[in-house]
Amino acid sequence: KTAMDLGGRTISVKAGILHELQIGSYQLLPMQTIFVPAKQMRSLPWSSVDGLLGQEFLKQFCLTFNFKKQQIYLRAGPRSRLTVVRGD
């Protein structure tokens, strides 16, 4: 598949379903995902980017931004179907 990057260039990507993803104590449901080669991510104006989080991921959370610390805090949203995984 192809997609357009932020610079307006057409790039090759792979699309599929990410069946399993755990972030902290949250187990996320399968979601549509686009995989962009790291080389193409590094060509973006902000070259330290490792990846982009899209709507399929973000819509499951309520987000809080701490701009001073450059951090994003995630918590399950009111209509979230996340599974909370407890540690051993």
N, C-alpha and C. Protein backbone atom coordinates (compact mmCIF):
# COMPACT_ATOMS: atom_id res chain seq x y z
N LYS A 1 0.84 -1.18 0.00
CA LYS A 1 0.00 0.00 0.00
C LYS A 1 0.89 1.24 0.00
N THR A 2 0.28 2.36 -0.33
CA THR A 2 1.00 3.62 -0.28
C THR A 2 0.22 4.62 0.57
N ALA A 3 0.93 5.59 1.09
CA ALA A 3 0.34 6.66 1.89
C ALA A 3 1.12 7.92 1.59
N MET A 4 0.58 9.04 2.01
CA MET A 4 1.27 10.31 1.82
C MET A 4 1.88 10.73 3.15
N ASP A 5 3.18 11.07 3.13
CA ASP A 5 3.81 11.51 4.37
C ASP A 5 3.52 12.99 4.61
N LEU A 6 4.02 13.51 5.72
CA LEU A 6 3.72 14.90 6.08
C LEU A 6 4.34 15.90 5.13
N GLY A 7 5.32 15.46 4.34
CA GLY A 7 5.94 16.33 3.35
C GLY A 7 5.25 16.26 2.00
N GLY A 8 4.16 15.47 1.91
CA GLY A 8 3.42 15.35 0.66
C GLY A 8 3.98 14.31 -0.29
N ARG A 9 4.96 13.54 0.15
CA ARG A 9 5.54 12.49 -0.70
C ARG A 9 4.77 11.19 -0.52
N THR A 10 4.70 10.39 -1.59
CA THR A 10 4.08 9.08 -1.51
C THR A 10 5.12 8.09 -1.01
N ILE A 11 4.75 7.31 0.00
CA ILE A 11 5.66 6.33 0.58
C ILE A 11 4.98 4.96 0.62
N SER A 12 5.79 3.91 0.65
CA SER A 12 5.27 2.55 0.76
C SER A 12 5.08 2.21 2.23
N VAL A 13 3.93 1.62 2.54
CA VAL A 13 3.64 1.21 3.91
C VAL A 13 3.03 -0.19 3.88
N LYS A 14 3.01 -0.81 5.03
CA LYS A 14 2.32 -2.09 5.19
C LYS A 14 1.14 -1.85 6.11
N ALA A 15 -0.01 -2.39 5.76
CA ALA A 15 -1.21 -2.23 6.58
C ALA A 15 -1.65 -3.60 7.07
N GLY A 16 -2.21 -3.62 8.25
CA GLY A 16 -2.68 -4.88 8.80
C GLY A 16 -3.36 -4.67 10.14
N ILE A 17 -3.58 -5.75 10.82
CA ILE A 17 -4.20 -5.70 12.14
C ILE A 17 -3.16 -6.07 13.17
N LEU A 18 -2.99 -5.20 14.15
CA LEU A 18 -2.13 -5.48 15.28
C LEU A 18 -2.99 -6.25 16.29
N HIS A 19 -2.71 -7.53 16.45
CA HIS A 19 -3.57 -8.39 17.26
C HIS A 19 -3.34 -8.25 18.75
N GLU A 20 -2.14 -7.86 19.14
CA GLU A 20 -1.84 -7.79 20.56
C GLU A 20 -0.88 -6.64 20.85
N LEU A 21 -1.22 -5.85 21.84
CA LEU A 21 -0.35 -4.76 22.27
C LEU A 21 -0.64 -4.49 23.73
N GLN A 22 0.40 -4.45 24.52
CA GLN A 22 0.25 -4.12 25.94
C GLN A 22 1.09 -2.89 26.23
N ILE A 23 0.44 -1.88 26.80
CA ILE A 23 1.09 -0.65 27.21
C ILE A 23 0.89 -0.55 28.72
N GLY A 24 1.97 -0.66 29.47
CA GLY A 24 1.83 -0.64 30.93
C GLY A 24 0.92 -1.76 31.37
N SER A 25 -0.14 -1.41 32.08
CA SER A 25 -1.08 -2.43 32.57
C SER A 25 -2.29 -2.60 31.66
N TYR A 26 -2.29 -1.97 30.50
CA TYR A 26 -3.41 -2.06 29.57
C TYR A 26 -3.14 -3.02 28.43
N GLN A 27 -4.06 -3.95 28.21
CA GLN A 27 -4.02 -4.85 27.06
C GLN A 27 -5.01 -4.28 26.05
N LEU A 28 -4.53 -3.91 24.87
CA LEU A 28 -5.39 -3.29 23.87
C LEU A 28 -6.00 -4.33 22.95
N LEU A 29 -7.19 -4.00 22.46
CA LEU A 29 -7.88 -4.87 21.53
C LEU A 29 -7.21 -4.79 20.16
N PRO A 30 -7.43 -5.80 19.30
CA PRO A 30 -6.88 -5.72 17.95
C PRO A 30 -7.31 -4.42 17.26
N MET A 31 -6.39 -3.84 16.49
CA MET A 31 -6.69 -2.58 15.81
C MET A 31 -6.01 -2.51 14.46
N GLN A 32 -6.64 -1.77 13.54
CA GLN A 32 -6.05 -1.51 12.23
C GLN A 32 -4.77 -0.71 12.45
N THR A 33 -3.72 -1.06 11.73
CA THR A 33 -2.42 -0.44 11.92
C THR A 33 -1.72 -0.26 10.58
N ILE A 34 -0.98 0.82 10.46
CA ILE A 34 -0.11 1.02 9.31
C ILE A 34 1.32 1.04 9.82
N PHE A 35 2.16 0.26 9.19
CA PHE A 35 3.57 0.19 9.57
C PHE A 35 4.39 0.94 8.53
N VAL A 36 5.16 1.91 8.99
CA VAL A 36 6.02 2.71 8.12
C VAL A 36 7.46 2.34 8.42
N PRO A 37 8.26 2.04 7.39
CA PRO A 37 9.66 1.70 7.64
C PRO A 37 10.38 2.80 8.42
N ALA A 38 11.24 2.37 9.35
CA ALA A 38 11.96 3.33 10.21
C ALA A 38 12.74 4.34 9.39
N LYS A 39 13.31 3.92 8.28
CA LYS A 39 14.07 4.83 7.42
C LYS A 39 13.20 6.01 6.97
N GLN A 40 11.94 5.73 6.66
CA GLN A 40 11.05 6.80 6.22
C GLN A 40 10.60 7.66 7.39
N MET A 41 10.48 7.09 8.58
CA MET A 41 10.15 7.89 9.76
C MET A 41 11.29 8.85 10.07
N ARG A 42 12.52 8.38 9.89
CA ARG A 42 13.69 9.21 10.20
C ARG A 42 13.86 10.37 9.21
N SER A 43 13.19 10.30 8.06
CA SER A 43 13.31 11.37 7.07
C SER A 43 12.36 12.53 7.36
N LEU A 44 11.54 12.41 8.39
CA LEU A 44 10.64 13.50 8.76
C LEU A 44 11.44 14.66 9.35
N PRO A 45 10.87 15.86 9.31
CA PRO A 45 11.59 17.03 9.83
C PRO A 45 12.05 16.87 11.28
N TRP A 46 11.30 16.15 12.10
CA TRP A 46 11.71 15.90 13.48
C TRP A 46 12.27 14.48 13.51
N SER A 47 13.53 14.32 13.22
CA SER A 47 14.14 13.01 12.97
C SER A 47 14.21 12.10 14.19
N SER A 48 13.88 12.57 15.36
CA SER A 48 13.93 11.70 16.54
C SER A 48 12.63 10.92 16.75
N VAL A 49 11.69 11.02 15.82
CA VAL A 49 10.41 10.31 15.94
C VAL A 49 10.62 8.82 15.72
N ASP A 50 10.07 8.00 16.62
CA ASP A 50 10.13 6.55 16.47
C ASP A 50 8.84 5.99 15.91
N GLY A 51 7.76 6.75 16.02
CA GLY A 51 6.47 6.29 15.53
C GLY A 51 5.40 7.32 15.80
N LEU A 52 4.26 7.11 15.19
CA LEU A 52 3.11 8.00 15.38
C LEU A 52 1.95 7.18 15.92
N LEU A 53 1.25 7.73 16.87
CA LEU A 53 0.07 7.06 17.41
C LEU A 53 -1.16 7.62 16.73
N GLY A 54 -1.99 6.74 16.20
CA GLY A 54 -3.17 7.17 15.46
C GLY A 54 -4.45 7.06 16.26
N GLN A 55 -5.55 7.36 15.59
CA GLN A 55 -6.85 7.39 16.23
C GLN A 55 -7.26 6.03 16.79
N GLU A 56 -6.97 4.95 16.08
CA GLU A 56 -7.36 3.63 16.56
C GLU A 56 -6.77 3.34 17.94
N PHE A 57 -5.58 3.85 18.19
CA PHE A 57 -4.94 3.69 19.49
C PHE A 57 -5.46 4.72 20.49
N LEU A 58 -5.39 6.00 20.10
CA LEU A 58 -5.69 7.09 21.03
C LEU A 58 -7.14 7.14 21.49
N LYS A 59 -8.08 6.70 20.65
CA LYS A 59 -9.50 6.80 21.02
C LYS A 59 -9.86 5.92 22.22
N GLN A 60 -8.98 5.05 22.61
CA GLN A 60 -9.24 4.17 23.76
C GLN A 60 -8.88 4.81 25.09
N PHE A 61 -8.31 6.02 25.04
CA PHE A 61 -7.79 6.65 26.26
C PHE A 61 -8.30 8.08 26.44
N CYS A 62 -8.25 8.53 27.68
CA CYS A 62 -8.31 9.95 28.01
C CYS A 62 -6.86 10.37 28.16
N LEU A 63 -6.49 11.44 27.52
CA LEU A 63 -5.09 11.88 27.50
C LEU A 63 -4.90 13.12 28.34
N THR A 64 -3.77 13.18 29.04
CA THR A 64 -3.35 14.38 29.75
C THR A 64 -1.93 14.69 29.29
N PHE A 65 -1.71 15.93 28.86
CA PHE A 65 -0.41 16.36 28.37
C PHE A 65 0.29 17.19 29.43
N ASN A 66 1.55 16.85 29.73
CA ASN A 66 2.39 17.67 30.59
C ASN A 66 3.47 18.24 29.68
N PHE A 67 3.24 19.45 29.21
CA PHE A 67 4.14 20.05 28.23
C PHE A 67 5.51 20.36 28.82
N LYS A 68 5.56 20.75 30.09
CA LYS A 68 6.86 21.05 30.71
C LYS A 68 7.75 19.81 30.75
N LYS A 69 7.17 18.67 31.10
CA LYS A 69 7.94 17.43 31.19
C LYS A 69 7.97 16.67 29.86
N GLN A 70 7.23 17.15 28.87
CA GLN A 70 7.10 16.50 27.57
C GLN A 70 6.63 15.05 27.73
N GLN A 71 5.54 14.89 28.49
CA GLN A 71 4.98 13.57 28.75
C GLN A 71 3.49 13.57 28.43
N ILE A 72 3.00 12.39 28.07
CA ILE A 72 1.57 12.17 27.86
C ILE A 72 1.15 11.07 28.83
N TYR A 73 0.07 11.31 29.56
CA TYR A 73 -0.46 10.32 30.49
C TYR A 73 -1.72 9.73 29.87
N LEU A 74 -1.84 8.40 29.92
CA LEU A 74 -2.98 7.68 29.36
C LEU A 74 -3.78 7.06 30.49
N ARG A 75 -5.10 7.18 30.40
CA ARG A 75 -5.97 6.41 31.31
C ARG A 75 -7.17 5.95 30.50
N ALA A 76 -7.74 4.85 30.90
CA ALA A 76 -8.85 4.27 30.15
C ALA A 76 -9.98 5.28 30.03
N GLY A 77 -10.51 5.41 28.82
CA GLY A 77 -11.62 6.32 28.57
C GLY A 77 -12.94 5.75 29.06
N PRO A 78 -14.00 6.58 29.11
CA PRO A 78 -15.29 6.13 29.65
C PRO A 78 -15.94 5.02 28.82
N ARG A 79 -15.65 4.97 27.53
CA ARG A 79 -16.23 3.91 26.68
C ARG A 79 -15.17 2.92 26.22
N SER A 80 -14.07 2.89 26.93
CA SER A 80 -12.95 2.04 26.56
C SER A 80 -13.29 0.58 26.78
N ARG A 81 -12.73 -0.27 25.93
CA ARG A 81 -12.86 -1.71 26.11
C ARG A 81 -11.49 -2.32 26.40
N LEU A 82 -10.64 -1.56 27.09
CA LEU A 82 -9.31 -2.03 27.44
C LEU A 82 -9.40 -3.08 28.54
N THR A 83 -8.46 -3.99 28.52
CA THR A 83 -8.33 -4.96 29.60
C THR A 83 -7.17 -4.52 30.48
N VAL A 84 -7.39 -4.48 31.78
CA VAL A 84 -6.31 -4.15 32.71
C VAL A 84 -5.62 -5.44 33.09
N VAL A 85 -4.30 -5.48 32.88
CA VAL A 85 -3.50 -6.66 33.18
C VAL A 85 -2.77 -6.42 34.49
N ARG A 86 -2.92 -7.32 35.41
CA ARG A 86 -2.26 -7.18 36.70
C ARG A 86 -0.92 -7.92 36.66
N GLY A 87 0.09 -7.36 37.30
CA GLY A 87 1.40 -8.02 37.39
C GLY A 87 1.39 -9.18 38.35
N ASP A 88 2.45 -9.98 38.32
CA ASP A 88 2.56 -11.14 39.23
C ASP A 88 2.81 -10.71 40.65
